[in-house]
N, C-alpha and C. Protein backbone atom coordinates (compact mmCIF):
# COMPACT_ATOMS: atom_id res chain seq x y z
N MET A 1 18.07 6.70 16.73
CA MET A 1 17.77 7.72 15.76
C MET A 1 18.45 9.00 16.20
N PRO A 2 19.09 9.72 15.30
CA PRO A 2 19.75 10.95 15.69
C PRO A 2 18.74 11.97 16.15
N GLU A 3 19.11 12.72 17.17
CA GLU A 3 18.21 13.75 17.68
C GLU A 3 18.40 15.02 16.87
N ILE A 4 17.30 15.57 16.39
CA ILE A 4 17.37 16.82 15.64
C ILE A 4 17.34 17.94 16.65
N PRO A 5 18.32 18.85 16.59
CA PRO A 5 18.44 19.86 17.62
C PRO A 5 17.28 20.85 17.63
N VAL A 6 16.92 21.28 18.82
CA VAL A 6 15.96 22.36 18.99
C VAL A 6 16.77 23.58 19.37
N ILE A 7 16.65 24.63 18.60
CA ILE A 7 17.45 25.83 18.84
C ILE A 7 16.65 26.78 19.71
N PRO A 8 17.17 27.13 20.88
CA PRO A 8 16.40 27.99 21.79
C PRO A 8 16.30 29.42 21.28
N PRO A 9 15.17 30.09 21.59
CA PRO A 9 15.07 31.50 21.22
C PRO A 9 16.20 32.29 21.87
N GLY A 10 16.73 33.29 21.18
CA GLY A 10 17.80 34.11 21.72
C GLY A 10 19.17 33.48 21.64
N ALA A 11 19.33 32.42 20.86
CA ALA A 11 20.63 31.77 20.74
C ALA A 11 21.63 32.72 20.07
N SER A 12 22.88 32.58 20.42
CA SER A 12 23.92 33.43 19.85
C SER A 12 24.15 33.09 18.38
N PRO A 13 24.67 34.03 17.58
CA PRO A 13 24.94 33.72 16.16
C PRO A 13 25.85 32.51 15.98
N GLY A 14 26.84 32.35 16.86
CA GLY A 14 27.74 31.19 16.77
C GLY A 14 27.00 29.89 17.02
N GLU A 15 26.11 29.91 18.01
CA GLU A 15 25.33 28.71 18.32
C GLU A 15 24.38 28.38 17.18
N LEU A 16 23.76 29.39 16.59
CA LEU A 16 22.87 29.17 15.46
C LEU A 16 23.62 28.54 14.29
N ALA A 17 24.82 29.06 14.00
CA ALA A 17 25.62 28.52 12.89
C ALA A 17 25.98 27.06 13.15
N ALA A 18 26.36 26.73 14.38
CA ALA A 18 26.73 25.35 14.73
C ALA A 18 25.53 24.43 14.59
N GLN A 19 24.37 24.86 15.08
CA GLN A 19 23.17 24.03 15.00
C GLN A 19 22.73 23.84 13.56
N ARG A 20 22.86 24.86 12.73
CA ARG A 20 22.49 24.72 11.32
C ARG A 20 23.37 23.68 10.64
N ARG A 21 24.67 23.67 10.96
CA ARG A 21 25.56 22.66 10.36
C ARG A 21 25.13 21.26 10.77
N ILE A 22 24.76 21.09 12.04
CA ILE A 22 24.31 19.78 12.52
C ILE A 22 23.04 19.39 11.79
N THR A 23 22.08 20.30 11.73
CA THR A 23 20.79 20.02 11.10
C THR A 23 20.96 19.66 9.63
N GLU A 24 21.85 20.35 8.92
CA GLU A 24 22.02 20.09 7.50
C GLU A 24 22.48 18.67 7.20
N ALA A 25 23.04 17.99 8.20
CA ALA A 25 23.46 16.60 7.99
C ALA A 25 22.26 15.70 7.71
N PHE A 26 21.07 16.13 8.12
CA PHE A 26 19.89 15.29 7.98
C PHE A 26 18.95 15.76 6.87
N ILE A 27 19.31 16.84 6.17
CA ILE A 27 18.41 17.40 5.17
C ILE A 27 18.54 16.64 3.86
N ALA A 28 17.40 16.20 3.35
CA ALA A 28 17.40 15.33 2.18
C ALA A 28 17.31 16.08 0.86
N ALA A 29 17.00 17.35 0.90
CA ALA A 29 16.84 18.08 -0.36
C ALA A 29 17.19 19.55 -0.17
N ASN A 30 17.55 20.19 -1.28
CA ASN A 30 17.76 21.63 -1.25
C ASN A 30 16.42 22.31 -0.97
N PRO A 31 16.46 23.59 -0.57
CA PRO A 31 15.19 24.27 -0.32
C PRO A 31 14.30 24.22 -1.56
N SER A 32 13.03 24.04 -1.34
CA SER A 32 12.05 24.00 -2.42
C SER A 32 10.97 25.02 -2.14
N LEU A 33 10.42 25.58 -3.20
CA LEU A 33 9.30 26.50 -3.07
C LEU A 33 8.03 25.65 -3.17
N VAL A 34 7.24 25.63 -2.10
CA VAL A 34 6.07 24.77 -2.03
C VAL A 34 4.86 25.59 -1.59
N ALA A 35 3.74 25.37 -2.22
CA ALA A 35 2.47 25.95 -1.79
C ALA A 35 1.66 24.82 -1.16
N LEU A 36 1.60 24.80 0.16
CA LEU A 36 0.85 23.76 0.86
C LEU A 36 -0.64 24.00 0.66
N ILE A 37 -1.39 22.92 0.50
CA ILE A 37 -2.83 23.00 0.30
C ILE A 37 -3.52 22.50 1.57
N PRO A 38 -4.18 23.39 2.30
CA PRO A 38 -4.90 22.94 3.50
C PRO A 38 -6.19 22.22 3.11
N ARG A 39 -6.69 21.40 4.00
CA ARG A 39 -7.94 20.68 3.74
C ARG A 39 -8.84 20.79 4.96
N SER A 40 -10.13 20.75 4.71
CA SER A 40 -11.07 20.69 5.83
C SER A 40 -11.74 19.32 5.80
N ARG A 41 -12.04 18.84 6.96
CA ARG A 41 -12.64 17.52 7.12
C ARG A 41 -14.13 17.72 7.40
N GLN A 42 -14.97 17.11 6.59
CA GLN A 42 -16.41 17.28 6.75
C GLN A 42 -17.08 15.92 6.79
N LYS A 43 -18.05 15.78 7.71
CA LYS A 43 -18.82 14.54 7.77
C LYS A 43 -19.65 14.41 6.51
N SER A 44 -19.69 13.22 5.98
CA SER A 44 -20.43 12.97 4.75
C SER A 44 -21.15 11.64 4.90
N GLY A 45 -22.42 11.69 5.25
CA GLY A 45 -23.16 10.44 5.47
C GLY A 45 -22.55 9.65 6.60
N SER A 46 -22.05 8.46 6.30
CA SER A 46 -21.46 7.61 7.33
C SER A 46 -19.94 7.73 7.38
N GLY A 47 -19.37 8.60 6.52
CA GLY A 47 -17.91 8.72 6.47
C GLY A 47 -17.44 10.16 6.59
N VAL A 48 -16.26 10.40 6.07
CA VAL A 48 -15.64 11.72 6.12
C VAL A 48 -15.24 12.11 4.71
N ARG A 49 -15.45 13.35 4.37
CA ARG A 49 -15.05 13.86 3.07
C ARG A 49 -14.06 15.00 3.29
N TRP A 50 -12.99 15.00 2.51
CA TRP A 50 -11.98 16.05 2.60
C TRP A 50 -12.21 17.07 1.50
N MET A 51 -12.14 18.34 1.84
CA MET A 51 -12.32 19.39 0.84
C MET A 51 -11.07 20.27 0.83
N ASP A 52 -10.48 20.45 -0.37
CA ASP A 52 -9.32 21.32 -0.49
C ASP A 52 -9.73 22.77 -0.28
N LEU A 53 -8.89 23.51 0.44
CA LEU A 53 -9.08 24.95 0.64
C LEU A 53 -8.07 25.67 -0.23
N PRO A 54 -8.18 27.00 -0.37
CA PRO A 54 -7.19 27.73 -1.17
C PRO A 54 -5.77 27.49 -0.65
N ALA A 55 -4.84 27.36 -1.58
CA ALA A 55 -3.43 27.07 -1.22
C ALA A 55 -2.85 28.20 -0.37
N ARG A 56 -1.98 27.83 0.53
CA ARG A 56 -1.24 28.83 1.31
C ARG A 56 -0.24 29.50 0.38
N PRO A 57 0.25 30.69 0.74
CA PRO A 57 1.28 31.32 -0.10
C PRO A 57 2.49 30.39 -0.22
N ALA A 58 3.13 30.39 -1.39
CA ALA A 58 4.32 29.56 -1.59
C ALA A 58 5.40 29.98 -0.61
N GLN A 59 6.09 29.00 -0.03
CA GLN A 59 7.15 29.28 0.94
C GLN A 59 8.29 28.31 0.74
N LYS A 60 9.49 28.75 1.11
CA LYS A 60 10.67 27.90 0.97
C LYS A 60 10.71 26.92 2.14
N VAL A 61 10.78 25.65 1.81
CA VAL A 61 10.81 24.61 2.84
C VAL A 61 11.96 23.65 2.54
N ARG A 62 12.32 22.88 3.54
CA ARG A 62 13.31 21.81 3.35
C ARG A 62 12.73 20.54 3.94
N LEU A 63 13.09 19.43 3.34
CA LEU A 63 12.66 18.13 3.81
C LEU A 63 13.80 17.49 4.57
N ILE A 64 13.53 17.00 5.76
CA ILE A 64 14.56 16.41 6.61
C ILE A 64 14.28 14.91 6.75
N ASP A 65 15.32 14.12 6.60
CA ASP A 65 15.23 12.68 6.76
C ASP A 65 15.96 12.31 8.05
N PRO A 66 15.23 12.16 9.18
CA PRO A 66 15.90 11.86 10.45
C PRO A 66 16.68 10.56 10.45
N GLY A 67 16.41 9.66 9.52
CA GLY A 67 17.14 8.40 9.44
C GLY A 67 18.44 8.50 8.67
N ALA A 68 18.70 9.65 8.04
CA ALA A 68 19.90 9.80 7.21
C ALA A 68 21.15 9.86 8.08
N GLY A 69 22.23 9.40 7.53
CA GLY A 69 23.52 9.50 8.21
C GLY A 69 23.72 8.49 9.31
N VAL A 70 22.78 7.61 9.54
CA VAL A 70 22.93 6.58 10.57
C VAL A 70 23.60 5.39 9.90
N GLY A 71 24.72 4.96 10.41
CA GLY A 71 25.51 3.93 9.77
C GLY A 71 24.73 2.74 9.26
N GLY A 72 24.77 2.53 7.94
CA GLY A 72 24.16 1.36 7.34
C GLY A 72 22.65 1.39 7.25
N VAL A 73 22.03 2.50 7.59
CA VAL A 73 20.58 2.56 7.58
C VAL A 73 20.13 3.32 6.34
N SER A 74 19.17 2.75 5.64
CA SER A 74 18.68 3.42 4.44
C SER A 74 17.84 4.63 4.82
N ALA A 75 17.61 5.48 3.85
CA ALA A 75 16.84 6.70 4.09
C ALA A 75 15.47 6.37 4.66
N ASN A 76 15.03 7.20 5.58
CA ASN A 76 13.71 7.15 6.18
C ASN A 76 13.50 5.93 7.09
N THR A 77 14.56 5.32 7.59
CA THR A 77 14.42 4.27 8.59
C THR A 77 15.43 4.53 9.69
N ALA A 78 15.16 4.01 10.86
CA ALA A 78 16.10 4.10 11.97
C ALA A 78 15.90 2.89 12.86
N ALA A 79 16.95 2.49 13.55
CA ALA A 79 16.87 1.34 14.44
C ALA A 79 16.38 1.79 15.80
N GLY A 80 15.41 1.04 16.34
CA GLY A 80 14.94 1.31 17.68
C GLY A 80 15.89 0.70 18.69
N GLY A 81 15.56 0.80 19.97
CA GLY A 81 16.39 0.24 21.03
C GLY A 81 16.54 -1.26 20.90
N ASP A 82 15.60 -1.90 20.21
CA ASP A 82 15.67 -3.34 20.02
C ASP A 82 16.41 -3.73 18.75
N GLY A 83 16.94 -2.73 18.00
CA GLY A 83 17.71 -3.00 16.80
C GLY A 83 16.87 -3.22 15.55
N ILE A 84 15.54 -3.16 15.68
CA ILE A 84 14.66 -3.39 14.53
C ILE A 84 14.54 -2.09 13.73
N GLN A 85 14.67 -2.21 12.41
CA GLN A 85 14.53 -1.04 11.54
C GLN A 85 13.05 -0.67 11.42
N ARG A 86 12.75 0.62 11.62
CA ARG A 86 11.38 1.11 11.49
C ARG A 86 11.38 2.37 10.66
N LYS A 87 10.26 2.59 9.95
CA LYS A 87 10.10 3.83 9.20
C LYS A 87 9.97 4.98 10.18
N VAL A 88 10.63 6.07 9.89
CA VAL A 88 10.48 7.29 10.68
C VAL A 88 9.92 8.36 9.75
N PRO A 89 9.07 9.21 10.26
CA PRO A 89 8.49 10.22 9.37
C PRO A 89 9.54 11.24 8.95
N PHE A 90 9.39 11.74 7.74
CA PHE A 90 10.19 12.86 7.32
C PHE A 90 9.72 14.09 8.09
N GLN A 91 10.54 15.12 8.13
CA GLN A 91 10.12 16.36 8.75
C GLN A 91 10.22 17.47 7.72
N LEU A 92 9.24 18.36 7.76
CA LEU A 92 9.21 19.53 6.91
C LEU A 92 9.70 20.69 7.75
N LEU A 93 10.74 21.36 7.28
CA LEU A 93 11.33 22.49 8.01
C LEU A 93 10.90 23.77 7.31
N LEU A 94 10.23 24.64 8.04
CA LEU A 94 9.74 25.90 7.50
C LEU A 94 10.43 27.05 8.23
N PRO A 95 10.52 28.21 7.60
CA PRO A 95 11.10 29.35 8.29
C PRO A 95 10.22 29.80 9.45
N TRP A 96 10.76 30.70 10.24
CA TRP A 96 10.11 31.19 11.45
C TRP A 96 8.65 31.59 11.22
N GLY A 97 8.37 32.32 10.14
CA GLY A 97 7.01 32.77 9.87
C GLY A 97 6.21 31.84 8.98
N GLY A 98 6.69 30.60 8.79
CA GLY A 98 6.03 29.66 7.88
C GLY A 98 4.64 29.27 8.34
N GLN A 99 3.82 28.92 7.38
CA GLN A 99 2.44 28.51 7.66
C GLN A 99 2.27 27.04 7.29
N VAL A 100 1.77 26.27 8.24
CA VAL A 100 1.51 24.85 8.00
C VAL A 100 0.40 24.41 8.94
N GLY A 101 -0.42 23.48 8.47
CA GLY A 101 -1.50 22.94 9.28
C GLY A 101 -1.56 21.44 9.14
N LEU A 102 -2.20 20.82 10.10
CA LEU A 102 -2.38 19.37 10.08
C LEU A 102 -3.18 19.00 8.84
N TYR A 103 -2.75 17.97 8.13
CA TYR A 103 -3.34 17.45 6.89
C TYR A 103 -3.09 18.32 5.66
N ASP A 104 -2.29 19.39 5.78
CA ASP A 104 -1.87 20.11 4.58
C ASP A 104 -1.14 19.11 3.68
N TYR A 105 -1.14 19.35 2.38
CA TYR A 105 -0.42 18.46 1.48
C TYR A 105 0.14 19.25 0.30
N TRP A 106 1.05 18.59 -0.43
CA TRP A 106 1.54 19.10 -1.71
C TRP A 106 1.93 17.90 -2.55
N VAL A 107 2.01 18.13 -3.85
CA VAL A 107 2.44 17.09 -4.78
C VAL A 107 3.75 17.56 -5.40
N ASP A 108 4.79 16.72 -5.30
CA ASP A 108 6.10 17.14 -5.81
C ASP A 108 6.19 16.95 -7.32
N THR A 109 7.33 17.31 -7.87
CA THR A 109 7.51 17.27 -9.32
C THR A 109 7.47 15.84 -9.88
N GLU A 110 7.64 14.84 -9.04
CA GLU A 110 7.58 13.44 -9.49
C GLU A 110 6.20 12.84 -9.32
N GLY A 111 5.22 13.66 -8.91
CA GLY A 111 3.86 13.17 -8.73
C GLY A 111 3.61 12.50 -7.39
N ILE A 112 4.55 12.61 -6.47
CA ILE A 112 4.39 12.02 -5.14
C ILE A 112 3.67 13.01 -4.24
N ARG A 113 2.65 12.53 -3.55
CA ARG A 113 1.88 13.38 -2.65
C ARG A 113 2.46 13.25 -1.23
N TRP A 114 2.69 14.38 -0.59
CA TRP A 114 3.21 14.45 0.77
C TRP A 114 2.13 15.07 1.65
N GLU A 115 1.94 14.52 2.85
CA GLU A 115 0.90 15.03 3.74
C GLU A 115 1.45 15.25 5.14
N VAL A 116 1.03 16.35 5.75
CA VAL A 116 1.43 16.68 7.13
C VAL A 116 0.61 15.81 8.08
N THR A 117 1.31 15.06 8.94
CA THR A 117 0.63 14.17 9.88
C THR A 117 0.74 14.62 11.33
N ASN A 118 1.66 15.55 11.61
CA ASN A 118 1.86 15.99 12.99
C ASN A 118 2.58 17.33 12.98
N LEU A 119 2.13 18.25 13.81
CA LEU A 119 2.82 19.52 13.98
C LEU A 119 3.72 19.41 15.20
N LEU A 120 4.99 19.72 15.04
CA LEU A 120 5.95 19.60 16.14
C LEU A 120 5.98 20.89 16.93
N PRO A 121 6.38 20.85 18.20
CA PRO A 121 6.37 22.06 19.03
C PRO A 121 7.20 23.18 18.40
N TYR A 122 6.67 24.37 18.46
CA TYR A 122 7.34 25.55 17.90
C TYR A 122 8.39 26.03 18.88
N ASN A 123 9.61 26.28 18.39
CA ASN A 123 10.70 26.66 19.29
C ASN A 123 11.09 28.13 19.18
N GLY A 124 10.31 28.94 18.46
CA GLY A 124 10.62 30.36 18.33
C GLY A 124 11.64 30.66 17.25
N TYR A 125 12.16 29.64 16.59
CA TYR A 125 13.19 29.84 15.57
C TYR A 125 12.75 29.29 14.22
N GLU A 126 12.07 28.17 14.22
CA GLU A 126 11.65 27.51 13.00
C GLU A 126 10.38 26.72 13.28
N ARG A 127 9.70 26.35 12.24
CA ARG A 127 8.52 25.49 12.38
C ARG A 127 8.86 24.15 11.74
N ARG A 128 8.37 23.09 12.37
CA ARG A 128 8.58 21.74 11.85
C ARG A 128 7.28 20.97 11.90
N ALA A 129 7.13 20.09 10.93
CA ALA A 129 5.97 19.22 10.89
C ALA A 129 6.43 17.86 10.36
N GLU A 130 5.82 16.80 10.86
CA GLU A 130 6.11 15.48 10.32
C GLU A 130 5.26 15.28 9.08
N VAL A 131 5.86 14.67 8.05
CA VAL A 131 5.14 14.42 6.80
C VAL A 131 5.39 12.98 6.35
N ILE A 132 4.43 12.46 5.61
CA ILE A 132 4.58 11.12 5.03
C ILE A 132 4.42 11.22 3.52
N ARG A 133 5.02 10.28 2.85
CA ARG A 133 4.94 10.18 1.38
C ARG A 133 3.80 9.19 1.08
N LEU A 134 2.81 9.66 0.32
CA LEU A 134 1.62 8.83 0.08
C LEU A 134 1.66 8.09 -1.24
N GLY A 135 2.61 8.36 -2.10
CA GLY A 135 2.70 7.62 -3.36
C GLY A 135 2.33 8.47 -4.55
N GLU A 136 2.08 7.81 -5.64
CA GLU A 136 1.77 8.52 -6.89
C GLU A 136 0.44 9.24 -6.78
N SER A 137 0.37 10.42 -7.36
CA SER A 137 -0.88 11.17 -7.35
C SER A 137 -1.74 10.73 -8.53
N GLY A 138 -3.01 11.14 -8.48
CA GLY A 138 -3.90 10.89 -9.62
C GLY A 138 -4.50 9.56 -9.53
């Protein structure tokens, strides 16, 4: 699987430009304006109930497909060391001041629900989170 670069804080403008070109090779969509909806998890009898909280302010995000550009591999898959194709999570790329939380979600224009499953380490330049596509909404 291609490694998505981590840009160190204080990088030179030339280094930032080079890293952005590399990163754009894996971006699956143009920037989108998305209002992520956070959720709280509450115990409910013997199970768990999710409650939507007020939406975060709309922010420009990009969706990254780490499996893209790998010879002969379809979108959202990558070959492991054993050569077996496996699904890899998409990544949500947010600007430096972006807001995202675990289990935040949004529904795209095609009715597909996307959910944050993991927050990736913050590198001082951008925020990233792993997201999965959950299917049709409603």
